[in-house]
Amino acid sequence: MNLYSLVLPLGILSYALLLLTILTGKRIIKLKFFYHKLFAMMSLISVTSHASIIIYLNYL
């Protein structure tokens, strides 16, 4: 398994987590504040790993 195969799934996961974070923050999906924070942390981790793989593959 190479890093290229992780780029697309991480991008889709990042978008889905970001969307869930926004929807729980706007109270369109009503969940406890704990889950909003959890989605935000997972989104940040996913976006950071996705961006670091892209930077690594393109510039290093």
PDB file of N, CA and C in Angstrom:
ATOM      1  N   MET A   1       0.851  -1.180   0.000  1.00  0.00           N
ATOM      2  CA  MET A   1       0.000   0.000   0.000  1.00  0.00           C
ATOM      3  C   MET A   1       0.895   1.240   0.000  1.00  0.00           C
ATOM      4  N   ASN A   2       0.699   2.091  -0.980  1.00  0.00           N
ATOM      5  CA  ASN A   2       1.498   3.303  -1.047  1.00  0.00           C
ATOM      6  C   ASN A   2       0.674   4.507  -0.592  1.00  0.00           C
ATOM      7  N   LEU A   3       1.347   5.632  -0.482  1.00  0.00           N
ATOM      8  CA  LEU A   3       0.670   6.840   0.020  1.00  0.00           C
ATOM      9  C   LEU A   3      -0.346   7.393  -0.963  1.00  0.00           C
ATOM     10  N   TYR A   4      -0.160   7.153  -2.241  1.00  0.00           N
ATOM     11  CA  TYR A   4      -1.114   7.650  -3.240  1.00  0.00           C
ATOM     12  C   TYR A   4      -2.511   7.059  -3.023  1.00  0.00           C
ATOM     13  N   SER A   5      -2.551   5.839  -2.537  1.00  0.00           N
ATOM     14  CA  SER A   5      -3.851   5.204  -2.325  1.00  0.00           C
ATOM     15  C   SER A   5      -4.584   5.758  -1.107  1.00  0.00           C
ATOM     16  N   LEU A   6      -3.907   6.539  -0.272  1.00  0.00           N
ATOM     17  CA  LEU A   6      -4.540   7.135   0.907  1.00  0.00           C
ATOM     18  C   LEU A   6      -5.088   8.532   0.659  1.00  0.00           C
ATOM     19  N   VAL A   7      -4.687   9.166  -0.424  1.00  0.00           N
ATOM     20  CA  VAL A   7      -5.045  10.566  -0.646  1.00  0.00           C
ATOM     21  C   VAL A   7      -6.555  10.739  -0.829  1.00  0.00           C
ATOM     22  N   LEU A   8      -7.154   9.989  -1.709  1.00  0.00           N
ATOM     23  CA  LEU A   8      -8.586  10.129  -1.985  1.00  0.00           C
ATOM     24  C   LEU A   8      -9.459   9.755  -0.786  1.00  0.00           C
ATOM     25  N   PRO A   9      -9.223   8.610  -0.131  1.00  0.00           N
ATOM     26  CA  PRO A   9     -10.059   8.299   1.033  1.00  0.00           C
ATOM     27  C   PRO A   9      -9.919   9.316   2.168  1.00  0.00           C
ATOM     28  N   LEU A  10      -8.710   9.818   2.400  1.00  0.00           N
ATOM     29  CA  LEU A  10      -8.534  10.828   3.435  1.00  0.00           C
ATOM     30  C   LEU A  10      -9.210  12.143   3.062  1.00  0.00           C
ATOM     31  N   GLY A  11      -9.219  12.483   1.807  1.00  0.00           N
ATOM     32  CA  GLY A  11      -9.909  13.686   1.364  1.00  0.00           C
ATOM     33  C   GLY A  11     -11.406  13.580   1.560  1.00  0.00           C
ATOM     34  N   ILE A  12     -11.963  12.433   1.223  1.00  0.00           N
ATOM     35  CA  ILE A  12     -13.403  12.218   1.404  1.00  0.00           C
ATOM     36  C   ILE A  12     -13.753  12.195   2.895  1.00  0.00           C
ATOM     37  N   LEU A  13     -12.939  11.517   3.694  1.00  0.00           N
ATOM     38  CA  LEU A  13     -13.160  11.480   5.139  1.00  0.00           C
ATOM     39  C   LEU A  13     -13.074  12.874   5.752  1.00  0.00           C
ATOM     40  N   SER A  14     -12.101  13.656   5.309  1.00  0.00           N
ATOM     41  CA  SER A  14     -11.940  15.019   5.822  1.00  0.00           C
ATOM     42  C   SER A  14     -13.155  15.878   5.505  1.00  0.00           C
ATOM     43  N   TYR A  15     -13.642  15.765   4.283  1.00  0.00           N
ATOM     44  CA  TYR A  15     -14.822  16.543   3.896  1.00  0.00           C
ATOM     45  C   TYR A  15     -16.046  16.113   4.699  1.00  0.00           C
ATOM     46  N   ALA A  16     -16.232  14.816   4.878  1.00  0.00           N
ATOM     47  CA  ALA A  16     -17.393  14.319   5.623  1.00  0.00           C
ATOM     48  C   ALA A  16     -17.335  14.760   7.083  1.00  0.00           C
ATOM     49  N   LEU A  17     -16.162  14.689   7.692  1.00  0.00           N
ATOM     50  CA  LEU A  17     -16.035  15.111   9.087  1.00  0.00           C
ATOM     51  C   LEU A  17     -16.235  16.614   9.235  1.00  0.00           C
ATOM     52  N   LEU A  18     -15.731  17.381   8.290  1.00  0.00           N
ATOM     53  CA  LEU A  18     -15.934  18.822   8.336  1.00  0.00           C
ATOM     54  C   LEU A  18     -17.404  19.170   8.183  1.00  0.00           C
ATOM     55  N   LEU A  19     -18.087  18.481   7.294  1.00  0.00           N
ATOM     56  CA  LEU A  19     -19.519  18.699   7.113  1.00  0.00           C
ATOM     57  C   LEU A  19     -20.295  18.339   8.382  1.00  0.00           C
ATOM     58  N   LEU A  20     -19.952  17.221   9.006  1.00  0.00           N
ATOM     59  CA  LEU A  20     -20.599  16.847  10.264  1.00  0.00           C
ATOM     60  C   LEU A  20     -20.337  17.864  11.359  1.00  0.00           C
ATOM     61  N   THR A  21     -19.121  18.392  11.414  1.00  0.00           N
ATOM     62  CA  THR A  21     -18.792  19.406  12.412  1.00  0.00           C
ATOM     63  C   THR A  21     -19.631  20.661  12.209  1.00  0.00           C
ATOM     64  N   ILE A  22     -19.774  21.087  10.979  1.00  0.00           N
ATOM     65  CA  ILE A  22     -20.578  22.279  10.692  1.00  0.00           C
ATOM     66  C   ILE A  22     -22.047  22.028  11.006  1.00  0.00           C
ATOM     67  N   LEU A  23     -22.561  20.880  10.614  1.00  0.00           N
ATOM     68  CA  LEU A  23     -23.980  20.590  10.841  1.00  0.00           C
ATOM     69  C   LEU A  23     -24.316  20.431  12.319  1.00  0.00           C
ATOM     70  N   THR A  24     -23.395  19.885  13.104  1.00  0.00           N
ATOM     71  CA  THR A  24     -23.656  19.791  14.538  1.00  0.00           C
ATOM     72  C   THR A  24     -23.470  21.132  15.226  1.00  0.00           C
ATOM     73  N   GLY A  25     -22.603  21.964  14.700  1.00  0.00           N
ATOM     74  CA  GLY A  25     -22.417  23.299  15.272  1.00  0.00           C
ATOM     75  C   GLY A  25     -23.599  24.210  14.984  1.00  0.00           C
ATOM     76  N   LYS A  26     -24.203  24.085  13.816  1.00  0.00           N
ATOM     77  CA  LYS A  26     -25.385  24.876  13.445  1.00  0.00           C
ATOM     78  C   LYS A  26     -26.677  24.297  14.015  1.00  0.00           C
ATOM     79  N   ARG A  27     -26.550  23.155  14.702  1.00  0.00           N
ATOM     80  CA  ARG A  27     -27.687  22.458  15.322  1.00  0.00           C
ATOM     81  C   ARG A  27     -28.696  21.935  14.307  1.00  0.00           C
ATOM     82  N   ILE A  28     -28.252  21.683  13.081  1.00  0.00           N
ATOM     83  CA  ILE A  28     -29.097  21.017  12.095  1.00  0.00           C
ATOM     84  C   ILE A  28     -29.183  19.536  12.461  1.00  0.00           C
ATOM     85  N   ILE A  29     -28.058  18.978  12.874  1.00  0.00           N
ATOM     86  CA  ILE A  29     -28.028  17.651  13.492  1.00  0.00           C
ATOM     87  C   ILE A  29     -27.841  17.898  14.982  1.00  0.00           C
ATOM     88  N   LYS A  30     -28.807  17.529  15.770  1.00  0.00           N
ATOM     89  CA  LYS A  30     -28.767  17.845  17.194  1.00  0.00           C
ATOM     90  C   LYS A  30     -28.067  16.735  17.969  1.00  0.00           C
ATOM     91  N   LEU A  31     -26.872  17.025  18.383  1.00  0.00           N
ATOM     92  CA  LEU A  31     -26.083  16.135  19.221  1.00  0.00           C
ATOM     93  C   LEU A  31     -25.530  16.937  20.386  1.00  0.00           C
ATOM     94  N   LYS A  32     -24.989  16.237  21.350  1.00  0.00           N
ATOM     95  CA  LYS A  32     -24.366  16.921  22.480  1.00  0.00           C
ATOM     96  C   LYS A  32     -23.111  17.649  22.004  1.00  0.00           C
ATOM     97  N   PHE A  33     -22.718  18.668  22.775  1.00  0.00           N
ATOM     98  CA  PHE A  33     -21.544  19.462  22.431  1.00  0.00           C
ATOM     99  C   PHE A  33     -20.289  18.607  22.399  1.00  0.00           C
ATOM    100  N   PHE A  34     -20.250  17.556  23.182  1.00  0.00           N
ATOM    101  CA  PHE A  34     -19.106  16.649  23.192  1.00  0.00           C
ATOM    102  C   PHE A  34     -18.841  16.089  21.797  1.00  0.00           C
ATOM    103  N   TYR A  35     -19.894  15.694  21.098  1.00  0.00           N
ATOM    104  CA  TYR A  35     -19.731  15.114  19.761  1.00  0.00           C
ATOM    105  C   TYR A  35     -19.272  16.158  18.746  1.00  0.00           C
ATOM    106  N   HIS A  36     -19.728  17.400  18.919  1.00  0.00           N
ATOM    107  CA  HIS A  36     -19.272  18.473  18.045  1.00  0.00           C
ATOM    108  C   HIS A  36     -17.763  18.660  18.204  1.00  0.00           C
ATOM    109  N   LYS A  37     -17.300  18.671  19.430  1.00  0.00           N
ATOM    110  CA  LYS A  37     -15.860  18.795  19.680  1.00  0.00           C
ATOM    111  C   LYS A  37     -15.095  17.585  19.160  1.00  0.00           C
ATOM    112  N   LEU A  38     -15.691  16.402  19.320  1.00  0.00           N
ATOM    113  CA  LEU A  38     -15.048  15.186  18.833  1.00  0.00           C
ATOM    114  C   LEU A  38     -14.912  15.201  17.314  1.00  0.00           C
ATOM    115  N   PHE A  39     -15.994  15.589  16.623  1.00  0.00           N
ATOM    116  CA  PHE A  39     -15.927  15.691  15.167  1.00  0.00           C
ATOM    117  C   PHE A  39     -14.903  16.734  14.738  1.00  0.00           C
ATOM    118  N   ALA A  40     -14.805  17.831  15.466  1.00  0.00           N
ATOM    119  CA  ALA A  40     -13.839  18.876  15.126  1.00  0.00           C
ATOM    120  C   ALA A  40     -12.406  18.369  15.277  1.00  0.00           C
ATOM    121  N   MET A  41     -12.125  17.633  16.347  1.00  0.00           N
ATOM    122  CA  MET A  41     -10.773  17.099  16.546  1.00  0.00           C
ATOM    123  C   MET A  41     -10.434  16.047  15.490  1.00  0.00           C
ATOM    124  N   MET A  42     -11.389  15.176  15.196  1.00  0.00           N
ATOM    125  CA  MET A  42     -11.155  14.163  14.165  1.00  0.00           C
ATOM    126  C   MET A  42     -10.971  14.811  12.795  1.00  0.00           C
ATOM    127  N   SER A  43     -11.724  15.861  12.529  1.00  0.00           N
ATOM    128  CA  SER A  43     -11.595  16.580  11.269  1.00  0.00           C
ATOM    129  C   SER A  43     -10.218  17.229  11.147  1.00  0.00           C
ATOM    130  N   LEU A  44      -9.754  17.837  12.219  1.00  0.00           N
ATOM    131  CA  LEU A  44      -8.436  18.477  12.208  1.00  0.00           C
ATOM    132  C   LEU A  44      -7.329  17.454  11.974  1.00  0.00           C
ATOM    133  N   ILE A  45      -7.427  16.312  12.616  1.00  0.00           N
ATOM    134  CA  ILE A  45      -6.423  15.252  12.427  1.00  0.00           C
ATOM    135  C   ILE A  45      -6.457  14.732  10.991  1.00  0.00           C
ATOM    136  N   SER A  46      -7.645  14.522  10.470  1.00  0.00           N
ATOM    137  CA  SER A  46      -7.783  14.005   9.113  1.00  0.00           C
ATOM    138  C   SER A  46      -7.276  15.000   8.070  1.00  0.00           C
ATOM    139  N   VAL A  47      -7.639  16.258   8.221  1.00  0.00           N
ATOM    140  CA  VAL A  47      -7.196  17.288   7.267  1.00  0.00           C
ATOM    141  C   VAL A  47      -5.681  17.463   7.333  1.00  0.00           C
ATOM    142  N   THR A  48      -5.119  17.436   8.536  1.00  0.00           N
ATOM    143  CA  THR A  48      -3.670  17.590   8.683  1.00  0.00           C
ATOM    144  C   THR A  48      -2.919  16.425   8.051  1.00  0.00           C
ATOM    145  N   SER A  49      -3.396  15.214   8.273  1.00  0.00           N
ATOM    146  CA  SER A  49      -2.714  14.068   7.668  1.00  0.00           C
ATOM    147  C   SER A  49      -2.868  14.080   6.149  1.00  0.00           C
ATOM    148  N   HIS A  50      -4.045  14.453   5.656  1.00  0.00           N
ATOM    149  CA  HIS A  50      -4.263  14.547   4.208  1.00  0.00           C
ATOM    150  C   HIS A  50      -3.327  15.586   3.588  1.00  0.00           C
ATOM    151  N   ALA A  51      -3.252  16.754   4.191  1.00  0.00           N
ATOM    152  CA  ALA A  51      -2.389  17.815   3.663  1.00  0.00           C
ATOM    153  C   ALA A  51      -0.916  17.437   3.757  1.00  0.00           C
ATOM    154  N   SER A  52      -0.511  16.774   4.832  1.00  0.00           N
ATOM    155  CA  SER A  52       0.898  16.404   4.955  1.00  0.00           C
ATOM    156  C   SER A  52       1.286  15.340   3.922  1.00  0.00           C
ATOM    157  N   ILE A  53       0.381  14.417   3.607  1.00  0.00           N
ATOM    158  CA  ILE A  53       0.671  13.426   2.560  1.00  0.00           C
ATOM    159  C   ILE A  53       0.798  14.106   1.204  1.00  0.00           C
ATOM    160  N   ILE A  54      -0.095  15.052   0.907  1.00  0.00           N
ATOM    161  CA  ILE A  54      -0.024  15.784  -0.365  1.00  0.00           C
ATOM    162  C   ILE A  54       1.285  16.565  -0.466  1.00  0.00           C
ATOM    163  N   ILE A  55       1.656  17.258   0.591  1.00  0.00           N
ATOM    164  CA  ILE A  55       2.911  18.028   0.578  1.00  0.00           C
ATOM    165  C   ILE A  55       4.095  17.101   0.416  1.00  0.00           C
ATOM    166  N   TYR A  56       4.094  15.981   1.119  1.00  0.00           N
ATOM    167  CA  TYR A  56       5.194  15.028   1.021  1.00  0.00           C
ATOM    168  C   TYR A  56       5.320  14.467  -0.393  1.00  0.00           C
ATOM    169  N   LEU A  57       4.196  14.094  -0.984  1.00  0.00           N
ATOM    170  CA  LEU A  57       4.244  13.485  -2.315  1.00  0.00           C
ATOM    171  C   LEU A  57       4.612  14.491  -3.412  1.00  0.00           C
ATOM    172  N   ASN A  58       4.252  15.756  -3.227  1.00  0.00           N
ATOM    173  CA  ASN A  58       4.514  16.740  -4.276  1.00  0.00           C
ATOM    174  C   ASN A  58       5.865  17.430  -4.142  1.00  0.00           C
ATOM    175  N   TYR A  59       6.348  17.610  -2.926  1.00  0.00           N
ATOM    176  CA  TYR A  59       7.532  18.452  -2.740  1.00  0.00           C
ATOM    177  C   TYR A  59       8.745  17.741  -2.164  1.00  0.00           C
ATOM    178  N   LEU A  60       8.594  16.542  -1.667  1.00  0.00           N
ATOM    179  CA  LEU A  60       9.752  15.860  -1.085  1.00  0.00           C
ATOM    180  C   LEU A  60      10.088  14.597  -1.842  1.00  0.00           C
TER     181      LEU A  60
END
